[in-house]
Protein backbone atom coordinates (compact mmCIF):
# COMPACT_ATOMS: atom_id res chain seq x y z
CA MET A 1 1.63 16.37 -27.01
CA THR A 2 4.41 17.35 -29.12
CA THR A 3 8.17 15.65 -28.51
CA THR A 4 11.69 15.97 -29.59
CA SER A 5 13.07 13.69 -31.91
CA PRO A 6 13.81 10.16 -30.04
CA ALA A 7 16.17 10.19 -27.55
CA PRO A 8 17.06 6.73 -25.33
CA ALA A 9 15.20 3.99 -26.71
CA GLY A 10 12.72 5.91 -28.56
CA VAL A 11 11.77 7.77 -25.66
CA SER A 12 11.91 11.57 -25.87
CA VAL A 13 11.62 14.15 -23.29
CA PRO A 14 8.46 16.53 -23.79
CA ASP A 15 9.09 19.41 -26.45
CA THR A 16 7.47 21.84 -24.12
CA ARG A 17 7.93 25.34 -22.00
CA LEU A 18 7.73 23.86 -18.94
CA ALA A 19 9.91 20.81 -19.67
CA ARG A 20 12.33 23.20 -21.04
CA GLU A 21 12.31 25.29 -17.91
CA ALA A 22 12.08 22.60 -15.77
CA THR A 23 15.37 21.43 -17.42
CA GLU A 24 17.19 24.59 -17.19
CA LEU A 25 16.11 25.27 -13.44
CA VAL A 26 17.27 21.74 -12.32
CA ARG A 27 20.74 22.42 -14.65
CA ASP A 28 21.18 25.49 -12.56
CA THR A 29 20.65 24.61 -9.42
CA THR A 30 22.30 21.12 -8.68
CA ASP A 31 25.44 19.52 -9.80
CA GLU A 32 26.00 16.86 -12.78
CA LEU A 33 25.22 14.00 -10.31
CA ILE A 34 22.07 14.97 -9.40
CA TYR A 35 21.12 16.53 -12.88
CA GLY A 36 22.38 13.27 -14.78
CA HIS A 37 20.41 10.79 -12.36
CA SER A 38 17.55 12.63 -12.54
CA ARG A 39 17.03 12.67 -16.35
CA ARG A 40 17.99 8.70 -16.33
CA VAL A 41 15.21 8.32 -13.89
CA TYR A 42 12.85 9.75 -16.37
CA PHE A 43 13.99 7.69 -19.19
CA PHE A 44 13.96 4.26 -17.21
CA ALA A 45 10.36 5.41 -15.85
CA ALA A 46 8.87 6.42 -18.88
CA LEU A 47 10.38 2.75 -20.70
CA GLN A 48 8.91 0.91 -17.50
CA GLY A 49 5.70 2.99 -18.29
CA ARG A 50 5.75 1.68 -21.98
CA ASN A 51 6.37 -1.58 -21.24
CA ARG A 52 3.78 -1.88 -18.50
CA ASP A 53 1.31 -0.40 -20.99
CA LEU A 54 0.56 2.38 -18.31
CA SER A 55 -1.00 5.56 -19.97
CA PHE A 56 0.73 8.61 -18.05
CA ASP A 57 1.42 12.29 -19.10
CA PRO A 58 5.36 12.53 -19.82
CA GLU A 59 5.11 16.16 -19.06
CA LEU A 60 4.40 15.70 -15.27
CA LEU A 61 6.59 12.16 -15.19
CA TYR A 62 9.67 14.64 -16.40
CA VAL A 63 9.05 17.40 -14.11
CA GLY A 64 8.52 14.69 -10.70
CA ALA A 65 11.72 12.80 -12.03
CA MET A 66 13.84 15.99 -12.52
CA PHE A 67 12.79 17.77 -9.24
CA HIS A 68 12.63 14.54 -6.75
CA ASP A 69 16.37 14.78 -5.45
CA LEU A 70 16.26 18.98 -5.58
CA GLY A 71 15.78 18.85 -1.84
CA LEU A 72 19.36 17.28 -1.22
CA GLY A 73 20.69 20.78 -2.35
CA GLU A 74 22.53 22.76 0.00
CA ARG A 75 19.80 25.43 0.22
CA PHE A 76 17.52 23.15 1.71
CA ARG A 77 19.98 21.41 4.32
CA THR A 78 18.70 23.49 7.32
CA SER A 79 14.85 23.40 6.70
CA GLY A 80 14.46 20.51 9.18
CA ARG A 81 12.08 18.75 6.81
CA ARG A 82 12.50 15.51 4.95
CA PHE A 83 14.42 16.08 1.56
CA GLU A 84 11.20 14.57 -0.22
CA VAL A 85 9.02 17.42 0.96
CA ASP A 86 11.22 20.29 -0.25
CA SER A 87 11.77 18.63 -3.20
CA ALA A 88 7.98 18.52 -3.89
CA ASP A 89 7.30 21.54 -2.46
CA GLU A 90 9.88 23.36 -5.00
CA ALA A 91 8.04 21.15 -8.08
CA ARG A 92 4.61 22.56 -6.29
CA ARG A 93 5.69 26.16 -6.67
CA PHE A 94 7.36 25.52 -10.00
CA LEU A 95 3.98 24.03 -11.62
CA ALA A 96 1.90 26.87 -9.49
CA ALA A 97 3.60 29.62 -10.76
CA ARG A 98 2.65 28.21 -14.32
CA GLN A 99 -1.04 27.72 -14.02
CA VAL A 100 -0.94 24.11 -13.85
CA PRO A 101 -4.01 22.46 -12.87
CA GLU A 102 -4.14 21.60 -9.22
CA ASP A 103 -4.96 17.70 -9.77
CA SER A 104 -1.50 17.78 -11.93
CA ILE A 105 0.40 19.59 -9.15
CA ARG A 106 -0.83 16.76 -6.77
CA ARG A 107 0.34 13.93 -8.60
CA VAL A 108 3.63 15.29 -9.05
CA TRP A 109 4.19 16.38 -5.65
CA THR A 110 3.14 12.88 -4.58
CA ALA A 111 5.21 11.31 -6.68
CA ILE A 112 8.37 12.96 -5.27
CA ALA A 113 7.03 12.91 -1.73
CA LEU A 114 6.83 9.18 -1.87
CA HIS A 115 9.74 8.00 -4.00
CA THR A 116 11.43 6.70 -0.96
CA THR A 117 8.74 5.07 0.72
CA PRO A 118 8.15 1.65 -1.16
CA GLY A 119 5.46 -0.59 -1.34
CA ILE A 120 2.66 2.39 -1.90
CA PRO A 121 3.65 4.28 -4.92
CA GLU A 122 3.20 1.46 -7.37
CA PHE A 123 -0.92 1.61 -6.51
CA MET A 124 -0.99 5.08 -6.90
CA GLU A 125 -1.43 7.02 -10.37
CA PRO A 126 1.06 6.04 -12.95
CA GLU A 127 3.31 9.31 -12.85
CA VAL A 128 3.51 8.38 -9.08
CA ALA A 129 4.34 4.98 -9.58
CA LEU A 130 6.70 5.69 -12.50
CA VAL A 131 8.89 8.10 -10.55
CA THR A 132 9.33 5.40 -7.97
CA ALA A 133 10.01 3.09 -10.45
CA GLY A 134 12.77 5.06 -11.93
CA VAL A 135 14.39 5.98 -9.00
CA GLU A 136 14.23 2.09 -7.89
CA TYR A 137 15.75 1.27 -11.02
CA ASP A 138 18.94 3.66 -11.36
CA VAL A 139 19.85 3.67 -7.71
CA LEU A 140 18.62 0.30 -6.40
CA GLY A 141 19.03 -1.82 -9.97
CA ILE A 142 15.31 -2.88 -8.86
CA GLY A 143 13.59 -4.41 -12.35
CA TYR A 144 16.89 -4.47 -13.78
CA GLY A 145 16.51 -7.04 -16.48
CA ASP A 146 12.79 -5.51 -17.14
CA LEU A 147 14.66 -3.54 -19.53
CA SER A 148 16.76 -4.67 -22.38
CA ASP A 149 20.63 -4.22 -22.60
CA ALA A 150 20.06 -1.99 -25.53
CA GLU A 151 17.39 0.14 -23.61
CA ARG A 152 19.82 0.61 -20.74
CA ALA A 153 22.98 1.29 -22.37
CA ALA A 154 20.94 4.15 -24.64
CA VAL A 155 20.18 6.19 -21.12
CA VAL A 156 23.55 5.40 -19.97
CA ALA A 157 25.42 6.80 -22.97
CA LEU A 158 23.39 9.55 -22.86
CA HIS A 159 23.92 10.33 -19.28
CA PRO A 160 26.90 8.12 -17.76
CA ARG A 161 26.97 7.14 -14.44
CA PRO A 162 30.77 6.89 -13.34
CA ASP A 163 31.20 5.91 -9.95
CA PHE A 164 27.75 6.44 -9.46
CA LYS A 165 26.71 4.15 -6.26
CA GLN A 166 29.44 6.22 -3.97
CA ARG A 167 28.73 9.63 -5.31
CA ILE A 168 25.16 9.07 -4.79
CA LEU A 169 25.43 7.79 -1.22
CA ALA A 170 27.92 10.86 -0.72
CA ALA A 171 25.14 13.43 -2.14
CA PHE A 172 22.72 11.41 0.25
CA THR A 173 24.61 11.75 3.41
CA ASP A 174 25.41 15.48 2.63
CA GLY A 175 21.74 16.23 2.18
CA ILE A 176 20.19 14.75 5.03
CA ARG A 177 23.51 14.62 7.53
CA PRO A 178 22.01 18.21 9.04
CA LYS A 179 18.82 16.78 10.02
CA PRO A 180 19.12 13.22 10.89
CA GLU A 181 15.61 12.94 12.58
CA THR A 182 14.37 13.09 9.37
CA THR A 183 15.10 9.84 8.56
CA PHE A 184 13.02 7.96 11.41
CA GLY A 185 11.01 5.13 9.47
CA ASN A 186 12.59 5.49 6.37
CA VAL A 187 15.41 4.05 4.09
CA LYS A 188 17.59 7.11 4.59
CA ALA A 189 18.46 5.85 7.99
CA ASP A 190 20.64 3.46 6.65
CA VAL A 191 22.54 5.95 4.73
CA LEU A 192 23.59 7.86 7.93
CA GLU A 193 24.19 4.66 10.12
CA HIS A 194 27.01 3.81 7.40
CA TYR A 195 28.47 7.09 6.88
CA VAL A 196 27.89 9.22 9.68
CA PRO A 197 29.64 8.46 12.90
CA GLY A 198 27.80 8.20 16.07
CA PHE A 199 24.32 8.37 14.50
CA GLN A 200 21.75 6.49 16.08
CA ARG A 201 18.55 5.63 14.11
CA GLY A 202 15.20 6.29 15.72
CA ASP A 203 13.74 3.01 17.22
CA PHE A 204 9.69 2.50 16.64
CA VAL A 205 9.58 0.28 19.59
CA ARG A 206 11.55 2.37 22.04
CA THR A 207 9.65 5.33 20.98
CA ILE A 208 6.17 3.41 21.69
CA LEU A 209 7.54 2.57 25.24
CA ASP A 210 8.83 5.76 25.91
CA SER A 211 5.98 7.85 25.03
CA PRO A 212 3.92 9.81 28.16
CA TRP A 213 1.14 7.19 28.41
CA PRO A 214 1.14 5.12 30.92
CA GLU A 215 0.71 2.10 29.51
């Protein structure tokens, strides 16, 4: 696969029509916050993949990274589904329209759908594991020391992150506030608990005890 000239720390965005069209779509349908975050996720994911000596498809990893937060956008806020699923389905439509093989589509869909479900993606295909690793690196700082200061600085120089912590939390809040029920059992319940007055997280134990089963 051909790539562009080296970008941050020697990692390049695939120089393919698919990658260029993914870039254009995400740039046109999101704001600079989500676009920059998604690009950093790709670079951080690819760097970690290289450091872990994982064999991954850069094109699929790029699409997974670029689409992973698309479902936070305003057009999806009334879907009633988890934003991760909306994001994954948009990626599926994008790839299927370009005759990408079904197994590749499945890997991208899974990578996006599971990127907020820690403890599972790391045991799956490299593209699935690395999208989550890139998200966790950029948002949570997990594995912060696994990359060098120079690698980290190169990525952030290309896509800066001014006031990123507060801005991404606001984007999460706006994206899932209309469908709070979709946070049951996942990390986004923490976001609404902090930022949406009156939100009450689902309780797994209470759900069991209050189910229609007699015992």
